[in-house]
Amino acid sequence: MQKATIQLETLTCPSCKMKIENATKAMEGVDKDSVEVLFNSSKLKFNFDETKVKVEEVENAIKKLGYDVKKSQVKSI
């Protein structure tokens, strides 16, 4: 398992937070219980199985929703 933090650029409202959380939870390989969008710091945090999903795939899903990604950080857990 890996832990990712994605810094978001355009997070402006609580419904944005829910859209991003729901899209991330729907992805295969993402630990649904670990998904959390921190609204005040505009960060998405989640754990994932790197053999099933890549951080880039999560970033692309966020971009398809219309939100910008600043940077990502991945750590082994």
N, C-alpha and C. Protein backbone atom coordinates (compact mmCIF):
# COMPACT_ATOMS: atom_id res chain seq x y z
N MET A 1 0.84 -1.19 0.00
CA MET A 1 0.00 0.00 0.00
C MET A 1 0.88 1.25 0.00
N GLN A 2 0.35 2.25 -0.62
CA GLN A 2 1.00 3.55 -0.68
C GLN A 2 0.03 4.60 -0.13
N LYS A 3 0.57 5.70 0.34
CA LYS A 3 -0.25 6.82 0.81
C LYS A 3 0.06 8.01 -0.09
N ALA A 4 -0.98 8.65 -0.63
CA ALA A 4 -0.78 9.79 -1.52
C ALA A 4 -1.43 11.03 -0.95
N THR A 5 -0.80 12.16 -1.23
CA THR A 5 -1.36 13.47 -0.95
C THR A 5 -1.30 14.26 -2.24
N ILE A 6 -2.43 14.76 -2.68
CA ILE A 6 -2.49 15.56 -3.90
C ILE A 6 -2.92 16.97 -3.51
N GLN A 7 -2.11 17.94 -3.87
CA GLN A 7 -2.43 19.34 -3.64
C GLN A 7 -3.33 19.82 -4.78
N LEU A 8 -4.52 20.31 -4.43
CA LEU A 8 -5.49 20.76 -5.42
C LEU A 8 -5.41 22.27 -5.57
N GLU A 9 -5.69 22.74 -6.78
CA GLU A 9 -5.59 24.17 -7.07
C GLU A 9 -6.93 24.89 -6.96
N THR A 10 -8.00 24.27 -7.40
CA THR A 10 -9.27 24.99 -7.59
C THR A 10 -10.40 24.53 -6.67
N LEU A 11 -10.09 24.14 -5.47
CA LEU A 11 -11.11 23.68 -4.54
C LEU A 11 -11.78 24.89 -3.91
N THR A 12 -13.07 25.11 -4.24
CA THR A 12 -13.72 26.35 -3.80
C THR A 12 -14.96 26.16 -2.94
N CYS A 13 -15.53 24.96 -2.89
CA CYS A 13 -16.77 24.81 -2.13
C CYS A 13 -16.93 23.38 -1.61
N PRO A 14 -17.82 23.17 -0.65
CA PRO A 14 -18.04 21.82 -0.10
C PRO A 14 -18.52 20.81 -1.14
N SER A 15 -19.28 21.24 -2.14
CA SER A 15 -19.73 20.28 -3.15
C SER A 15 -18.55 19.82 -4.01
N CYS A 16 -17.56 20.69 -4.19
CA CYS A 16 -16.33 20.30 -4.89
C CYS A 16 -15.64 19.17 -4.12
N LYS A 17 -15.58 19.33 -2.82
CA LYS A 17 -14.97 18.34 -1.93
C LYS A 17 -15.65 16.98 -2.11
N MET A 18 -16.98 16.98 -2.13
CA MET A 18 -17.73 15.73 -2.26
C MET A 18 -17.51 15.08 -3.63
N LYS A 19 -17.48 15.88 -4.69
CA LYS A 19 -17.26 15.34 -6.03
C LYS A 19 -15.91 14.63 -6.11
N ILE A 20 -14.89 15.27 -5.58
CA ILE A 20 -13.55 14.68 -5.63
C ILE A 20 -13.47 13.43 -4.77
N GLU A 21 -14.03 13.47 -3.57
CA GLU A 21 -14.04 12.29 -2.70
C GLU A 21 -14.77 11.13 -3.38
N ASN A 22 -15.94 11.38 -3.93
CA ASN A 22 -16.73 10.31 -4.55
C ASN A 22 -16.02 9.72 -5.77
N ALA A 23 -15.42 10.56 -6.59
CA ALA A 23 -14.70 10.06 -7.77
C ALA A 23 -13.50 9.21 -7.36
N THR A 24 -12.79 9.64 -6.31
CA THR A 24 -11.62 8.89 -5.85
C THR A 24 -12.04 7.56 -5.23
N LYS A 25 -13.09 7.57 -4.43
CA LYS A 25 -13.58 6.34 -3.81
C LYS A 25 -14.06 5.32 -4.83
N ALA A 26 -14.52 5.79 -5.98
CA ALA A 26 -15.05 4.89 -7.01
C ALA A 26 -13.96 4.16 -7.79
N MET A 27 -12.71 4.57 -7.61
CA MET A 27 -11.62 3.97 -8.38
C MET A 27 -11.14 2.66 -7.76
N GLU A 28 -10.96 1.66 -8.61
CA GLU A 28 -10.46 0.37 -8.14
C GLU A 28 -9.03 0.54 -7.66
N GLY A 29 -8.73 -0.03 -6.51
CA GLY A 29 -7.40 0.04 -5.94
C GLY A 29 -7.23 1.10 -4.88
N VAL A 30 -8.22 2.00 -4.76
CA VAL A 30 -8.19 3.04 -3.73
C VAL A 30 -8.88 2.52 -2.48
N ASP A 31 -8.24 2.68 -1.33
CA ASP A 31 -8.85 2.32 -0.05
C ASP A 31 -9.92 3.37 0.27
N LYS A 32 -11.18 3.01 0.06
CA LYS A 32 -12.29 3.95 0.18
C LYS A 32 -12.39 4.59 1.56
N ASP A 33 -12.02 3.85 2.60
CA ASP A 33 -12.08 4.38 3.97
C ASP A 33 -11.01 5.42 4.25
N SER A 34 -9.99 5.48 3.43
CA SER A 34 -8.89 6.41 3.68
C SER A 34 -9.04 7.74 2.94
N VAL A 35 -10.00 7.82 2.01
CA VAL A 35 -10.14 9.02 1.18
C VAL A 35 -10.64 10.19 2.01
N GLU A 36 -9.89 11.29 1.93
CA GLU A 36 -10.28 12.49 2.67
C GLU A 36 -9.81 13.73 1.91
N VAL A 37 -10.74 14.65 1.67
CA VAL A 37 -10.38 15.94 1.11
C VAL A 37 -10.37 16.94 2.26
N LEU A 38 -9.23 17.58 2.44
CA LEU A 38 -9.08 18.60 3.48
C LEU A 38 -9.38 19.95 2.82
N PHE A 39 -10.58 20.43 3.05
CA PHE A 39 -11.07 21.62 2.36
C PHE A 39 -10.20 22.84 2.62
N ASN A 40 -9.83 23.09 3.87
CA ASN A 40 -9.07 24.30 4.22
C ASN A 40 -7.67 24.35 3.61
N SER A 41 -7.05 23.18 3.44
CA SER A 41 -5.71 23.15 2.86
C SER A 41 -5.71 22.68 1.40
N SER A 42 -6.89 22.41 0.85
CA SER A 42 -7.04 21.98 -0.55
C SER A 42 -6.18 20.76 -0.87
N LYS A 43 -6.28 19.73 -0.02
CA LYS A 43 -5.51 18.51 -0.23
C LYS A 43 -6.43 17.30 -0.26
N LEU A 44 -6.07 16.35 -1.11
CA LEU A 44 -6.73 15.04 -1.15
C LEU A 44 -5.73 14.04 -0.62
N LYS A 45 -6.14 13.26 0.38
CA LYS A 45 -5.29 12.22 0.95
C LYS A 45 -6.00 10.88 0.80
N PHE A 46 -5.24 9.84 0.45
CA PHE A 46 -5.83 8.50 0.31
C PHE A 46 -4.72 7.45 0.27
N ASN A 47 -5.09 6.23 0.59
CA ASN A 47 -4.21 5.08 0.48
C ASN A 47 -4.63 4.30 -0.76
N PHE A 48 -3.66 3.66 -1.40
CA PHE A 48 -4.00 2.92 -2.62
C PHE A 48 -3.04 1.75 -2.84
N ASP A 49 -3.52 0.79 -3.62
CA ASP A 49 -2.73 -0.36 -4.01
C ASP A 49 -2.08 -0.03 -5.35
N GLU A 50 -0.79 0.17 -5.34
CA GLU A 50 -0.07 0.62 -6.53
C GLU A 50 -0.09 -0.40 -7.66
N THR A 51 -0.48 -1.65 -7.38
CA THR A 51 -0.59 -2.64 -8.45
C THR A 51 -1.93 -2.54 -9.18
N LYS A 52 -2.87 -1.77 -8.63
CA LYS A 52 -4.20 -1.64 -9.24
C LYS A 52 -4.50 -0.25 -9.79
N VAL A 53 -3.87 0.76 -9.23
CA VAL A 53 -4.13 2.14 -9.68
C VAL A 53 -2.88 2.98 -9.47
N LYS A 54 -2.67 3.92 -10.34
CA LYS A 54 -1.53 4.84 -10.24
C LYS A 54 -2.03 6.21 -9.81
N VAL A 55 -1.20 6.98 -9.15
CA VAL A 55 -1.57 8.33 -8.72
C VAL A 55 -1.95 9.17 -9.92
N GLU A 56 -1.28 8.97 -11.04
CA GLU A 56 -1.58 9.73 -12.25
C GLU A 56 -3.02 9.49 -12.71
N GLU A 57 -3.52 8.27 -12.51
CA GLU A 57 -4.92 7.97 -12.88
C GLU A 57 -5.89 8.75 -12.00
N VAL A 58 -5.58 8.86 -10.71
CA VAL A 58 -6.42 9.64 -9.80
C VAL A 58 -6.36 11.11 -10.18
N GLU A 59 -5.15 11.60 -10.48
CA GLU A 59 -5.00 12.99 -10.91
C GLU A 59 -5.84 13.26 -12.16
N ASN A 60 -5.78 12.35 -13.13
CA ASN A 60 -6.55 12.52 -14.37
C ASN A 60 -8.05 12.53 -14.11
N ALA A 61 -8.52 11.71 -13.19
CA ALA A 61 -9.94 11.69 -12.84
C ALA A 61 -10.36 13.03 -12.23
N ILE A 62 -9.49 13.61 -11.41
CA ILE A 62 -9.77 14.91 -10.80
C ILE A 62 -9.81 15.99 -11.88
N LYS A 63 -8.86 15.93 -12.80
CA LYS A 63 -8.81 16.91 -13.89
C LYS A 63 -10.05 16.82 -14.78
N LYS A 64 -10.54 15.60 -15.01
CA LYS A 64 -11.75 15.42 -15.82
C LYS A 64 -12.97 16.05 -15.15
N LEU A 65 -12.95 16.16 -13.83
CA LEU A 65 -14.03 16.82 -13.10
C LEU A 65 -13.93 18.34 -13.20
N GLY A 66 -12.80 18.83 -13.70
CA GLY A 66 -12.62 20.27 -13.88
C GLY A 66 -11.77 20.94 -12.82
N TYR A 67 -11.04 20.16 -12.04
CA TYR A 67 -10.20 20.71 -10.98
C TYR A 67 -8.73 20.56 -11.36
N ASP A 68 -7.92 21.49 -10.91
CA ASP A 68 -6.49 21.47 -11.22
C ASP A 68 -5.71 20.80 -10.09
N VAL A 69 -4.64 20.11 -10.48
CA VAL A 69 -3.75 19.45 -9.53
C VAL A 69 -2.43 20.21 -9.54
N LYS A 70 -1.97 20.62 -8.36
CA LYS A 70 -0.69 21.33 -8.25
C LYS A 70 0.47 20.35 -8.21
N LYS A 71 0.45 19.45 -7.24
CA LYS A 71 1.54 18.49 -7.09
C LYS A 71 1.04 17.29 -6.29
N SER A 72 1.79 16.20 -6.38
CA SER A 72 1.45 14.97 -5.66
C SER A 72 2.66 14.49 -4.88
N GLN A 73 2.37 13.78 -3.80
CA GLN A 73 3.41 13.18 -2.98
C GLN A 73 2.96 11.78 -2.62
N VAL A 74 3.83 10.80 -2.78
CA VAL A 74 3.50 9.41 -2.49
C VAL A 74 4.51 8.86 -1.50
N LYS A 75 4.01 8.11 -0.50
CA LYS A 75 4.87 7.47 0.49
C LYS A 75 4.42 6.02 0.67
N SER A 76 5.36 5.14 0.94
CA SER A 76 5.02 3.77 1.28
C SER A 76 4.54 3.72 2.72
N ILE A 77 3.54 2.87 2.97
CA ILE A 77 3.06 2.71 4.35
C ILE A 77 3.15 1.27 4.76
